């Protein structure tokens, strides 16, 4: 049985933004609706709207209060968001293949914690086509789901102060690639040489919200 979509909620977010909430859980169908709303609002070219920031189950629409009244923006956004079908996929989404050497420092620990052999961890991680829920944390970082339930573990009790660029990691329901050397608390199971963020490229981030990702094991 298909669950009915959560009620649409719109609320002021400070004095220059409106928060549109489409649900309260991390689910692909809800997140796809978020991105469809982003596309629809962008296409509407509403006077005064200056930025749209998507999250897992909501989006914040920032506007210039000197150009448009809050109630006017609120009404336009309600009409647009109400017209977007649940689960609608952004047409221009693409599939990105990321080559991975599964030799991360936490691979053995993940295998032990899940009761799987390291090869099975690799097989399960690389068997899934992941969905880019949203960017965040650092430029080029993308939250990808949904991880095989057999691989789901909480974050490390002690985060690392330095995670190498290109590290492929898992935590909770999700997986990700660290695009830069940063601190991090996810479990590192592999690494890639693929550049996920490059200011010389347009756009600089390889992965966009709504894209799909596959990991390909390489030697």
Protein backbone atom coordinates (compact mmCIF):
# COMPACT_ATOMS: atom_id res chain seq x y z
CA UNK A 1 0.00 0.00 0.00
CA UNK A 2 1.36 3.43 -0.97
CA UNK A 3 1.45 5.86 1.94
CA UNK A 4 -0.30 9.20 1.43
CA UNK A 5 2.12 12.14 1.19
CA UNK A 6 2.60 14.24 4.32
CA UNK A 7 0.61 17.48 4.47
CA UNK A 8 2.30 20.44 2.83
CA UNK A 9 3.48 23.03 5.34
CA UNK A 10 4.78 26.55 4.67
CA UNK A 11 6.12 28.81 7.41
CA UNK A 12 8.21 31.99 7.66
CA UNK A 13 11.92 31.40 8.26
CA UNK A 14 13.10 34.70 9.66
CA UNK A 15 12.11 37.84 7.77
CA UNK A 16 13.51 36.88 4.37
CA UNK A 17 12.74 33.22 3.76
CA UNK A 18 9.95 30.66 3.72
CA UNK A 19 10.36 27.02 4.73
CA UNK A 20 8.38 24.48 2.70
CA UNK A 21 8.10 21.14 4.51
CA UNK A 22 7.01 18.04 2.61
CA UNK A 23 7.63 15.35 5.23
CA UNK A 24 9.58 14.42 8.33
CA UNK A 25 11.60 11.37 7.26
CA UNK A 26 14.52 10.59 4.95
CA UNK A 27 12.76 8.97 1.99
CA UNK A 28 13.64 9.04 -1.68
CA UNK A 29 10.10 9.86 -2.86
CA UNK A 30 9.84 12.83 -0.47
CA UNK A 31 13.28 14.08 -1.46
CA UNK A 32 12.47 13.74 -5.16
CA UNK A 33 9.42 15.90 -4.54
CA UNK A 34 11.68 18.45 -2.82
CA UNK A 35 13.88 18.66 -5.91
CA UNK A 36 10.86 18.81 -8.21
CA UNK A 37 9.65 21.79 -6.16
CA UNK A 38 13.06 23.44 -6.52
CA UNK A 39 12.85 23.03 -10.31
CA UNK A 40 9.26 24.29 -10.46
CA UNK A 41 9.99 27.35 -8.33
CA UNK A 42 13.11 28.11 -10.36
CA UNK A 43 11.15 27.84 -13.60
CA UNK A 44 8.44 30.18 -12.23
CA UNK A 45 11.00 33.01 -11.92
CA UNK A 46 9.16 34.62 -9.01
CA UNK A 47 10.18 38.25 -8.55
CA UNK A 48 12.21 38.66 -5.38
CA UNK A 49 13.30 35.04 -4.94
CA UNK A 50 17.10 35.01 -4.60
CA UNK A 51 17.97 31.47 -3.48
CA UNK A 52 16.47 28.02 -2.92
CA UNK A 53 18.13 25.61 -0.48
CA UNK A 54 16.90 21.98 -0.49
CA UNK A 55 17.23 19.55 2.40
CA UNK A 56 16.01 15.97 2.98
CA UNK A 57 12.29 16.73 3.32
CA UNK A 58 12.09 20.50 3.03
CA UNK A 59 13.36 23.51 1.13
CA UNK A 60 14.03 27.08 2.17
CA UNK A 61 13.13 29.80 -0.32
CA UNK A 62 15.00 33.05 0.34
CA UNK A 63 13.61 36.30 -1.02
CA UNK A 64 14.34 40.01 -1.08
CA UNK A 65 11.69 41.64 1.13
CA UNK A 66 12.25 44.98 -0.61
CA UNK A 67 11.06 43.45 -3.88
CA UNK A 68 8.16 41.19 -2.85
CA UNK A 69 5.71 40.95 0.05
CA UNK A 70 5.87 37.87 2.24
CA UNK A 71 2.21 36.96 1.73
CA UNK A 72 2.54 37.28 -2.03
CA UNK A 73 5.57 34.97 -2.07
CA UNK A 74 3.85 32.59 0.32
CA UNK A 75 0.80 32.30 -1.93
CA UNK A 76 2.85 31.68 -5.08
CA UNK A 77 4.97 29.05 -3.36
CA UNK A 78 1.92 27.26 -1.95
CA UNK A 79 0.34 27.06 -5.41
CA UNK A 80 3.54 25.73 -7.00
CA UNK A 81 4.38 23.22 -4.27
CA UNK A 82 0.80 21.91 -4.23
CA UNK A 83 0.99 21.18 -7.94
CA UNK A 84 4.15 19.05 -7.76
CA UNK A 85 3.41 15.34 -7.78
CA UNK A 86 4.96 13.18 -5.02
CA UNK A 87 7.95 11.22 -6.28
CA UNK A 88 8.42 13.35 -9.39
CA UNK A 89 12.01 13.03 -10.64
CA UNK A 90 14.04 15.96 -11.92
CA UNK A 91 14.28 15.34 -15.71
CA UNK A 92 17.92 16.39 -16.04
CA UNK A 93 19.21 14.07 -13.31
CA UNK A 94 22.11 11.90 -14.41
CA UNK A 95 23.88 8.71 -13.37
CA UNK A 96 27.48 9.18 -12.19
CA UNK A 97 29.82 6.18 -11.89
CA UNK A 98 32.57 6.49 -9.28
CA UNK A 99 35.52 4.04 -9.46
CA UNK A 100 36.52 2.86 -5.98
CA UNK A 101 39.45 0.94 -4.54
CA UNK A 102 37.88 -0.80 -1.57
CA UNK A 103 40.89 -0.70 0.73
CA UNK A 104 39.71 1.77 3.37
CA UNK A 105 41.11 1.65 6.91
CA UNK A 106 37.69 0.76 8.37
CA UNK A 107 36.74 -1.99 5.91
CA UNK A 108 37.75 -4.82 8.24
CA UNK A 109 36.07 -3.16 11.24
CA UNK A 110 32.87 -2.68 9.23
CA UNK A 111 32.97 -6.35 8.21
CA UNK A 112 33.41 -7.42 11.83
CA UNK A 113 30.62 -5.13 13.07
CA UNK A 114 28.15 -6.31 10.43
CA UNK A 115 29.10 -9.98 10.53
CA UNK A 116 29.96 -9.94 6.84
CA UNK A 117 33.15 -10.82 5.00
CA UNK A 118 35.01 -7.80 3.57
CA UNK A 119 34.21 -8.97 0.04
CA UNK A 120 30.51 -9.06 0.93
CA UNK A 121 30.71 -5.51 2.30
CA UNK A 122 32.17 -4.41 -1.03
CA UNK A 123 29.60 -6.36 -3.02
CA UNK A 124 26.67 -4.92 -1.09
CA UNK A 125 28.00 -1.36 -1.17
CA UNK A 126 28.66 -1.43 -4.93
CA UNK A 127 25.39 -3.20 -5.84
CA UNK A 128 23.16 -0.21 -5.10
CA UNK A 129 22.26 2.76 -7.30
CA UNK A 130 22.33 5.63 -4.82
CA UNK A 131 20.34 8.85 -4.85
CA UNK A 132 21.83 12.27 -4.07
CA UNK A 133 19.56 13.57 -1.35
CA UNK A 134 21.35 16.88 -0.89
CA UNK A 135 24.73 18.61 -0.83
CA UNK A 136 26.20 19.83 2.43
CA UNK A 137 28.98 19.77 5.04
CA UNK A 138 31.64 20.90 2.52
CA UNK A 139 31.70 22.05 -1.13
CA UNK A 140 31.14 19.00 -3.33
CA UNK A 141 30.05 16.72 -0.47
CA UNK A 142 26.83 14.83 -1.26
CA UNK A 143 24.64 12.72 1.00
CA UNK A 144 23.80 9.49 -0.85
CA UNK A 145 21.16 6.89 0.02
CA UNK A 146 19.92 4.39 0.59
CA UNK A 147 22.57 2.13 2.07
CA UNK A 148 21.97 -1.62 2.24
CA UNK A 149 20.43 -2.28 5.72
CA UNK A 150 23.11 -4.90 6.41
CA UNK A 151 25.79 -2.16 6.22
CA UNK A 152 24.10 0.45 8.38
CA UNK A 153 26.23 1.44 11.37
CA UNK A 154 26.31 4.53 13.62
CA UNK A 155 29.10 7.01 13.11
CA UNK A 156 32.46 6.34 14.70
CA UNK A 157 32.60 7.13 18.41
CA UNK A 158 35.73 9.21 17.81
CA UNK A 159 35.82 11.25 14.58
CA UNK A 160 39.09 11.56 12.69
CA UNK A 161 40.68 15.00 12.56
CA UNK A 162 41.84 14.32 8.97
CA UNK A 163 40.02 12.25 6.37
CA UNK A 164 41.87 12.07 3.02
CA UNK A 165 40.26 13.52 -0.09
CA UNK A 166 38.44 10.88 -2.11
CA UNK A 167 37.61 8.67 0.88
CA UNK A 168 34.43 6.63 0.38
CA UNK A 169 32.54 6.29 3.64
CA UNK A 170 29.35 5.00 5.24
CA UNK A 171 27.31 6.01 8.29
CA UNK A 172 23.70 5.39 9.24
CA UNK A 173 21.46 5.17 6.18
CA UNK A 174 23.93 6.84 3.86
CA UNK A 175 27.23 6.78 2.03
CA UNK A 176 29.40 9.60 0.72
CA UNK A 177 32.73 10.63 -0.77
CA UNK A 178 34.87 13.23 0.98
CA UNK A 179 35.74 15.78 -1.74
CA UNK A 180 38.43 17.46 0.38
CA UNK A 181 40.67 16.58 3.30
CA UNK A 182 38.48 17.39 6.30
CA UNK A 183 37.60 16.04 9.72
CA UNK A 184 34.97 13.29 9.64
CA UNK A 185 33.29 10.59 11.68
CA UNK A 186 32.10 8.18 9.00
CA UNK A 187 33.54 4.68 8.40
CA UNK A 188 36.11 4.72 5.57
CA UNK A 189 35.77 1.66 3.33
CA UNK A 190 37.48 2.82 0.12
CA UNK A 191 38.87 5.68 -1.94
CA UNK A 192 38.52 7.19 -5.37
CA UNK A 193 40.76 9.36 -7.54
CA UNK A 194 37.72 11.02 -9.12
CA UNK A 195 37.61 14.75 -8.42
CA UNK A 196 34.25 15.65 -6.91
CA UNK A 197 34.82 19.40 -6.69
CA UNK A 198 36.81 21.50 -9.14
CA UNK A 199 36.53 25.28 -9.39
CA UNK A 200 37.79 25.07 -12.97
CA UNK A 201 34.63 23.15 -13.97
CA UNK A 202 31.10 24.46 -14.47
CA UNK A 203 29.40 23.49 -12.26
CA UNK A 204 32.29 22.86 -9.86
CA UNK A 205 30.51 20.06 -7.98
CA UNK A 206 30.30 16.73 -9.81
CA UNK A 207 27.22 15.53 -7.91
CA UNK A 208 23.98 17.49 -7.84
CA UNK A 209 20.88 16.95 -5.76
CA UNK A 210 18.64 14.44 -7.52
CA UNK A 211 21.47 12.68 -9.37
CA UNK A 212 22.05 8.93 -9.09
CA UNK A 213 25.40 7.36 -8.24
CA UNK A 214 26.98 3.95 -8.72
CA UNK A 215 30.26 2.79 -7.17
CA UNK A 216 32.43 0.55 -9.37
CA UNK A 217 35.11 -1.58 -7.66
CA UNK A 218 38.54 -1.26 -9.29
CA UNK A 219 41.93 -2.78 -8.49
